[in-house]
């Protein structure tokens, strides 16, 4: 099976909150696009899977604990599951969020041998 999606088509910015759209959702990965207007934020939260955050356009202030990182277009950051993080758009930004569900599937397979 093949799935195709675009990070750059049909982009919609919301006035009052980040626009979150699931682009792909397979058994192994989930790809999400987040469109943020300047100064919009996502408060501290955790993902249940390991993630990679990629800045497709713009610039974000990315926080992990007490550390802050300015991520520009083209930069990526990887986090393990359950690591608290937050972000604020310094400019209108498009962010790709990749969730790796494979680790979870491998754990499930190990606990349920055939």
N, C-alpha and C. Protein backbone atom coordinates (compact mmCIF):
# COMPACT_ATOMS: atom_id res chain seq x y z
N UNK A 1 0.85 -1.19 0.00
CA UNK A 1 0.00 0.00 0.00
C UNK A 1 0.89 1.24 0.00
N UNK A 2 0.47 2.27 -0.68
CA UNK A 2 1.23 3.52 -0.74
C UNK A 2 0.31 4.68 -0.36
N UNK A 3 0.87 5.60 0.42
CA UNK A 3 0.15 6.82 0.81
C UNK A 3 0.97 8.01 0.37
N UNK A 4 0.32 9.02 -0.18
CA UNK A 4 1.01 10.23 -0.62
C UNK A 4 0.34 11.44 0.04
N UNK A 5 1.18 12.35 0.52
CA UNK A 5 0.68 13.59 1.13
C UNK A 5 1.66 14.71 0.82
N UNK A 6 1.23 15.94 0.98
CA UNK A 6 2.10 17.09 0.74
C UNK A 6 2.18 17.97 1.98
N UNK A 7 3.40 18.33 2.34
CA UNK A 7 3.61 19.26 3.44
C UNK A 7 3.26 20.69 3.05
N UNK A 8 3.29 21.00 1.76
CA UNK A 8 3.18 22.38 1.31
C UNK A 8 1.88 22.73 0.58
N UNK A 9 0.99 21.78 0.42
CA UNK A 9 -0.29 22.06 -0.24
C UNK A 9 -1.39 22.24 0.79
N UNK A 10 -2.37 23.05 0.45
CA UNK A 10 -3.57 23.27 1.28
C UNK A 10 -3.22 23.69 2.70
N UNK A 11 -2.24 24.57 2.84
CA UNK A 11 -1.84 25.04 4.17
C UNK A 11 -2.86 26.06 4.66
N UNK A 12 -3.30 25.88 5.88
CA UNK A 12 -4.27 26.77 6.50
C UNK A 12 -3.74 27.19 7.85
N UNK A 13 -3.65 28.50 8.06
CA UNK A 13 -3.27 29.04 9.37
C UNK A 13 -4.53 29.46 10.09
N UNK A 14 -4.64 29.13 11.34
CA UNK A 14 -5.77 29.55 12.16
C UNK A 14 -5.36 30.77 12.97
N UNK A 15 -6.31 31.64 13.26
CA UNK A 15 -6.00 32.88 13.98
C UNK A 15 -5.75 32.66 15.47
N UNK A 16 -6.44 31.69 16.06
CA UNK A 16 -6.42 31.57 17.52
C UNK A 16 -5.61 30.39 18.06
N UNK A 17 -5.13 29.50 17.18
CA UNK A 17 -4.37 28.34 17.64
C UNK A 17 -3.63 27.71 16.46
N UNK A 18 -2.62 26.89 16.75
CA UNK A 18 -1.92 26.19 15.65
C UNK A 18 -2.89 25.29 14.88
N UNK A 19 -2.66 25.18 13.58
CA UNK A 19 -3.48 24.30 12.73
C UNK A 19 -2.76 22.97 12.60
N UNK A 20 -3.33 21.93 13.17
CA UNK A 20 -2.72 20.61 13.20
C UNK A 20 -3.47 19.71 12.23
N UNK A 21 -2.71 19.06 11.31
CA UNK A 21 -3.34 18.19 10.33
C UNK A 21 -2.53 16.91 10.18
N UNK A 22 -3.18 15.77 10.36
CA UNK A 22 -2.53 14.48 10.13
C UNK A 22 -2.46 14.26 8.62
N UNK A 23 -1.23 14.07 8.12
CA UNK A 23 -1.03 13.86 6.69
C UNK A 23 -0.97 12.38 6.34
N UNK A 24 -0.31 11.60 7.18
CA UNK A 24 -0.20 10.15 6.99
C UNK A 24 -0.32 9.47 8.34
N UNK A 25 -0.95 8.31 8.36
CA UNK A 25 -1.04 7.53 9.59
C UNK A 25 -1.00 6.06 9.21
N UNK A 26 0.17 5.44 9.39
CA UNK A 26 0.37 4.03 9.06
C UNK A 26 0.65 3.27 10.36
N UNK A 27 0.75 1.96 10.30
CA UNK A 27 1.09 1.22 11.51
C UNK A 27 2.45 1.61 12.09
N UNK A 28 3.37 2.09 11.25
CA UNK A 28 4.73 2.39 11.71
C UNK A 28 4.97 3.86 12.03
N UNK A 29 4.34 4.77 11.28
CA UNK A 29 4.60 6.20 11.46
C UNK A 29 3.32 7.02 11.37
N UNK A 30 3.40 8.19 11.98
CA UNK A 30 2.34 9.17 11.86
C UNK A 30 3.02 10.49 11.51
N UNK A 31 2.61 11.12 10.41
CA UNK A 31 3.18 12.38 9.94
C UNK A 31 2.14 13.47 10.10
N UNK A 32 2.52 14.51 10.81
CA UNK A 32 1.59 15.60 11.12
C UNK A 32 2.20 16.92 10.69
N UNK A 33 1.38 17.79 10.12
CA UNK A 33 1.82 19.15 9.77
C UNK A 33 1.17 20.11 10.75
N UNK A 34 2.00 21.00 11.29
CA UNK A 34 1.51 22.02 12.20
C UNK A 34 1.84 23.38 11.58
N UNK A 35 0.83 24.18 11.32
CA UNK A 35 1.01 25.53 10.78
C UNK A 35 0.74 26.51 11.91
N UNK A 36 1.75 27.32 12.21
CA UNK A 36 1.63 28.28 13.30
C UNK A 36 1.87 29.69 12.79
N UNK A 37 0.99 30.59 13.15
CA UNK A 37 1.23 32.01 12.89
C UNK A 37 2.24 32.52 13.91
N UNK A 38 2.92 33.59 13.58
CA UNK A 38 3.90 34.19 14.48
C UNK A 38 3.31 34.34 15.88
N UNK A 39 4.07 33.96 16.88
CA UNK A 39 3.73 34.04 18.31
C UNK A 39 2.75 32.97 18.80
N UNK A 40 2.21 32.13 17.92
CA UNK A 40 1.37 31.04 18.41
C UNK A 40 2.26 30.02 19.11
N UNK A 41 1.70 29.34 20.09
CA UNK A 41 2.50 28.38 20.85
C UNK A 41 1.76 27.08 21.08
N UNK A 42 2.56 26.07 21.34
CA UNK A 42 2.04 24.79 21.83
C UNK A 42 2.68 24.62 23.20
N UNK A 43 1.85 24.64 24.22
CA UNK A 43 2.34 24.55 25.59
C UNK A 43 2.98 23.19 25.84
N UNK A 44 3.71 23.08 26.94
CA UNK A 44 4.44 21.85 27.27
C UNK A 44 3.53 20.62 27.18
N UNK A 45 4.01 19.62 26.49
CA UNK A 45 3.28 18.36 26.31
C UNK A 45 4.28 17.25 26.04
N UNK A 46 3.81 16.01 26.03
CA UNK A 46 4.63 14.84 25.77
C UNK A 46 3.98 14.01 24.68
N UNK A 47 4.82 13.30 23.91
CA UNK A 47 4.33 12.35 22.92
C UNK A 47 4.59 10.94 23.44
N UNK A 48 3.69 10.05 23.20
CA UNK A 48 3.85 8.68 23.68
C UNK A 48 4.81 7.87 22.82
N UNK A 49 5.25 8.44 21.70
CA UNK A 49 6.20 7.79 20.79
C UNK A 49 7.43 8.67 20.64
N UNK A 50 8.56 8.10 20.21
CA UNK A 50 9.70 8.94 19.82
C UNK A 50 9.27 9.84 18.66
N UNK A 51 9.77 11.07 18.63
CA UNK A 51 9.37 12.02 17.58
C UNK A 51 10.58 12.69 16.95
N UNK A 52 10.35 13.19 15.74
CA UNK A 52 11.28 14.10 15.08
C UNK A 52 10.46 15.32 14.68
N UNK A 53 10.93 16.50 15.08
CA UNK A 53 10.29 17.76 14.72
C UNK A 53 11.18 18.43 13.66
N UNK A 54 10.61 18.74 12.50
CA UNK A 54 11.34 19.36 11.40
C UNK A 54 10.72 20.70 11.08
N UNK A 55 11.54 21.73 10.93
CA UNK A 55 11.03 23.04 10.54
C UNK A 55 11.08 23.12 9.02
N UNK A 56 9.90 23.14 8.39
CA UNK A 56 9.78 23.18 6.94
C UNK A 56 9.88 24.63 6.45
N UNK A 57 9.26 25.54 7.17
CA UNK A 57 9.28 26.97 6.87
C UNK A 57 9.27 27.72 8.20
N UNK A 58 9.89 28.89 8.21
CA UNK A 58 9.82 29.75 9.39
C UNK A 58 10.89 29.47 10.42
N UNK A 59 10.54 29.71 11.68
CA UNK A 59 11.49 29.59 12.79
C UNK A 59 10.68 29.38 14.06
N UNK A 60 11.12 28.42 14.89
CA UNK A 60 10.43 28.17 16.16
C UNK A 60 11.43 28.19 17.32
N UNK A 61 10.92 28.59 18.46
CA UNK A 61 11.65 28.51 19.72
C UNK A 61 11.17 27.22 20.37
N UNK A 62 12.07 26.24 20.47
CA UNK A 62 11.72 24.89 20.93
C UNK A 62 12.31 24.68 22.32
N UNK A 63 11.47 24.30 23.26
CA UNK A 63 11.93 24.11 24.63
C UNK A 63 11.82 22.68 25.09
N UNK A 64 12.89 22.23 25.76
CA UNK A 64 12.91 20.92 26.43
C UNK A 64 13.43 21.18 27.83
N UNK A 65 12.55 21.04 28.81
CA UNK A 65 12.95 21.37 30.18
C UNK A 65 13.33 22.84 30.26
N UNK A 66 14.49 23.12 30.81
CA UNK A 66 14.97 24.50 30.93
C UNK A 66 15.74 24.97 29.70
N UNK A 67 15.98 24.07 28.74
CA UNK A 67 16.75 24.43 27.55
C UNK A 67 15.85 24.97 26.45
N UNK A 68 16.32 26.03 25.78
CA UNK A 68 15.61 26.62 24.65
C UNK A 68 16.51 26.51 23.43
N UNK A 69 15.91 26.22 22.28
CA UNK A 69 16.66 26.08 21.03
C UNK A 69 15.90 26.82 19.94
N UNK A 70 16.60 27.68 19.23
CA UNK A 70 16.01 28.38 18.09
C UNK A 70 16.23 27.51 16.86
N UNK A 71 15.14 26.97 16.31
CA UNK A 71 15.21 26.09 15.15
C UNK A 71 14.73 26.83 13.92
N UNK A 72 15.62 26.95 12.95
CA UNK A 72 15.33 27.63 11.69
C UNK A 72 14.90 26.61 10.62
N UNK A 73 14.43 27.12 9.50
CA UNK A 73 14.04 26.30 8.35
C UNK A 73 15.14 25.28 8.05
N UNK A 74 14.72 24.01 7.92
CA UNK A 74 15.65 22.94 7.58
C UNK A 74 16.23 22.21 8.78
N UNK A 75 16.01 22.73 9.99
CA UNK A 75 16.57 22.08 11.18
C UNK A 75 15.60 21.03 11.72
N UNK A 76 16.17 20.02 12.38
CA UNK A 76 15.40 18.93 12.97
C UNK A 76 15.85 18.71 14.40
N UNK A 77 14.94 18.18 15.21
CA UNK A 77 15.27 17.76 16.57
C UNK A 77 14.54 16.45 16.83
N UNK A 78 15.23 15.51 17.48
CA UNK A 78 14.64 14.21 17.81
C UNK A 78 14.49 14.11 19.32
N UNK A 79 13.38 13.56 19.75
CA UNK A 79 13.12 13.35 21.18
C UNK A 79 12.64 11.92 21.41
N UNK A 80 13.03 11.37 22.54
CA UNK A 80 12.50 10.07 22.96
C UNK A 80 11.04 10.25 23.38
N UNK A 81 10.34 9.16 23.52
CA UNK A 81 8.95 9.20 23.99
C UNK A 81 8.90 9.80 25.39
N UNK A 82 7.81 10.46 25.66
CA UNK A 82 7.51 11.01 27.00
C UNK A 82 8.47 12.08 27.48
N UNK A 83 9.07 12.83 26.56
CA UNK A 83 9.91 13.97 26.93
C UNK A 83 9.07 15.23 26.77
N UNK A 84 8.92 16.00 27.84
CA UNK A 84 8.12 17.22 27.80
C UNK A 84 8.81 18.27 26.94
N UNK A 85 8.03 18.91 26.06
CA UNK A 85 8.57 19.94 25.17
C UNK A 85 7.46 20.95 24.83
N UNK A 86 7.88 22.13 24.39
CA UNK A 86 6.94 23.17 23.98
C UNK A 86 7.55 23.92 22.81
N UNK A 87 6.75 24.71 22.14
CA UNK A 87 7.29 25.51 21.04
C UNK A 87 6.49 26.78 20.83
N UNK A 88 7.20 27.80 20.32
CA UNK A 88 6.59 29.09 20.00
C UNK A 88 7.10 29.49 18.62
N UNK A 89 6.20 29.92 17.74
CA UNK A 89 6.59 30.36 16.41
C UNK A 89 7.16 31.78 16.49
N UNK A 90 8.38 31.96 16.01
CA UNK A 90 9.00 33.29 15.95
C UNK A 90 8.57 34.02 14.68
N UNK A 91 8.18 33.26 13.67
CA UNK A 91 7.61 33.77 12.41
C UNK A 91 6.52 32.78 12.02
N UNK A 92 5.70 33.13 11.04
CA UNK A 92 4.76 32.14 10.51
C UNK A 92 5.59 30.91 10.14
N UNK A 93 5.17 29.74 10.60
CA UNK A 93 6.00 28.55 10.46
C UNK A 93 5.18 27.32 10.09
N UNK A 94 5.84 26.40 9.40
CA UNK A 94 5.28 25.09 9.11
C UNK A 94 6.23 24.06 9.72
N UNK A 95 5.67 23.21 10.55
CA UNK A 95 6.46 22.21 11.26
C UNK A 95 5.93 20.83 10.90
N UNK A 96 6.86 19.92 10.65
CA UNK A 96 6.51 18.52 10.40
C UNK A 96 6.82 17.75 11.68
N UNK A 97 5.85 17.01 12.16
CA UNK A 97 6.01 16.16 13.33
C UNK A 97 5.91 14.72 12.88
N UNK A 98 6.99 13.97 13.07
CA UNK A 98 7.03 12.55 12.70
C UNK A 98 7.05 11.71 13.97
N UNK A 99 6.06 10.85 14.13
CA UNK A 99 6.00 9.95 15.27
C UNK A 99 6.39 8.56 14.81
N UNK A 100 7.35 7.96 15.49
CA UNK A 100 7.82 6.62 15.16
C UNK A 100 7.09 5.61 16.03
N UNK A 101 6.09 4.95 15.44
CA UNK A 101 5.32 3.97 16.19
C UNK A 101 5.95 2.59 16.12
N UNK A 102 7.01 2.43 15.34
CA UNK A 102 7.63 1.12 15.15
C UNK A 102 8.10 0.53 16.46
N UNK A 103 8.76 1.32 17.29
CA UNK A 103 9.25 0.82 18.57
C UNK A 103 8.12 0.22 19.39
N UNK A 104 6.98 0.86 19.38
CA UNK A 104 5.83 0.37 20.12
C UNK A 104 5.33 -0.94 19.51
N UNK A 105 5.31 -1.03 18.17
CA UNK A 105 4.87 -2.26 17.51
C UNK A 105 5.81 -3.41 17.83
N UNK A 106 7.12 -3.15 17.87
CA UNK A 106 8.09 -4.19 18.18
C UNK A 106 7.88 -4.69 19.61
N UNK A 107 7.60 -3.77 20.52
CA UNK A 107 7.36 -4.16 21.91
C UNK A 107 6.10 -5.02 22.01
N UNK A 108 5.07 -4.66 21.28
CA UNK A 108 3.82 -5.43 21.30
C UNK A 108 4.07 -6.84 20.73
N UNK A 109 4.82 -6.91 19.63
CA UNK A 109 5.12 -8.21 19.02
C UNK A 109 5.90 -9.10 19.98
N UNK A 110 6.85 -8.53 20.72
CA UNK A 110 7.64 -9.32 21.68
C UNK A 110 6.76 -9.85 22.81
N UNK A 111 5.77 -9.06 23.21
CA UNK A 111 4.94 -9.49 24.32
C UNK A 111 3.83 -10.45 23.88
N UNK A 112 3.64 -10.60 22.55
CA UNK A 112 2.62 -11.50 22.01
C UNK A 112 3.25 -12.40 20.95
N UNK A 113 4.14 -13.31 21.33
CA UNK A 113 4.78 -14.16 20.33
C UNK A 113 3.75 -15.05 19.62
N UNK A 114 4.04 -15.36 18.37
CA UNK A 114 3.12 -16.18 17.55
C UNK A 114 3.19 -17.63 17.98
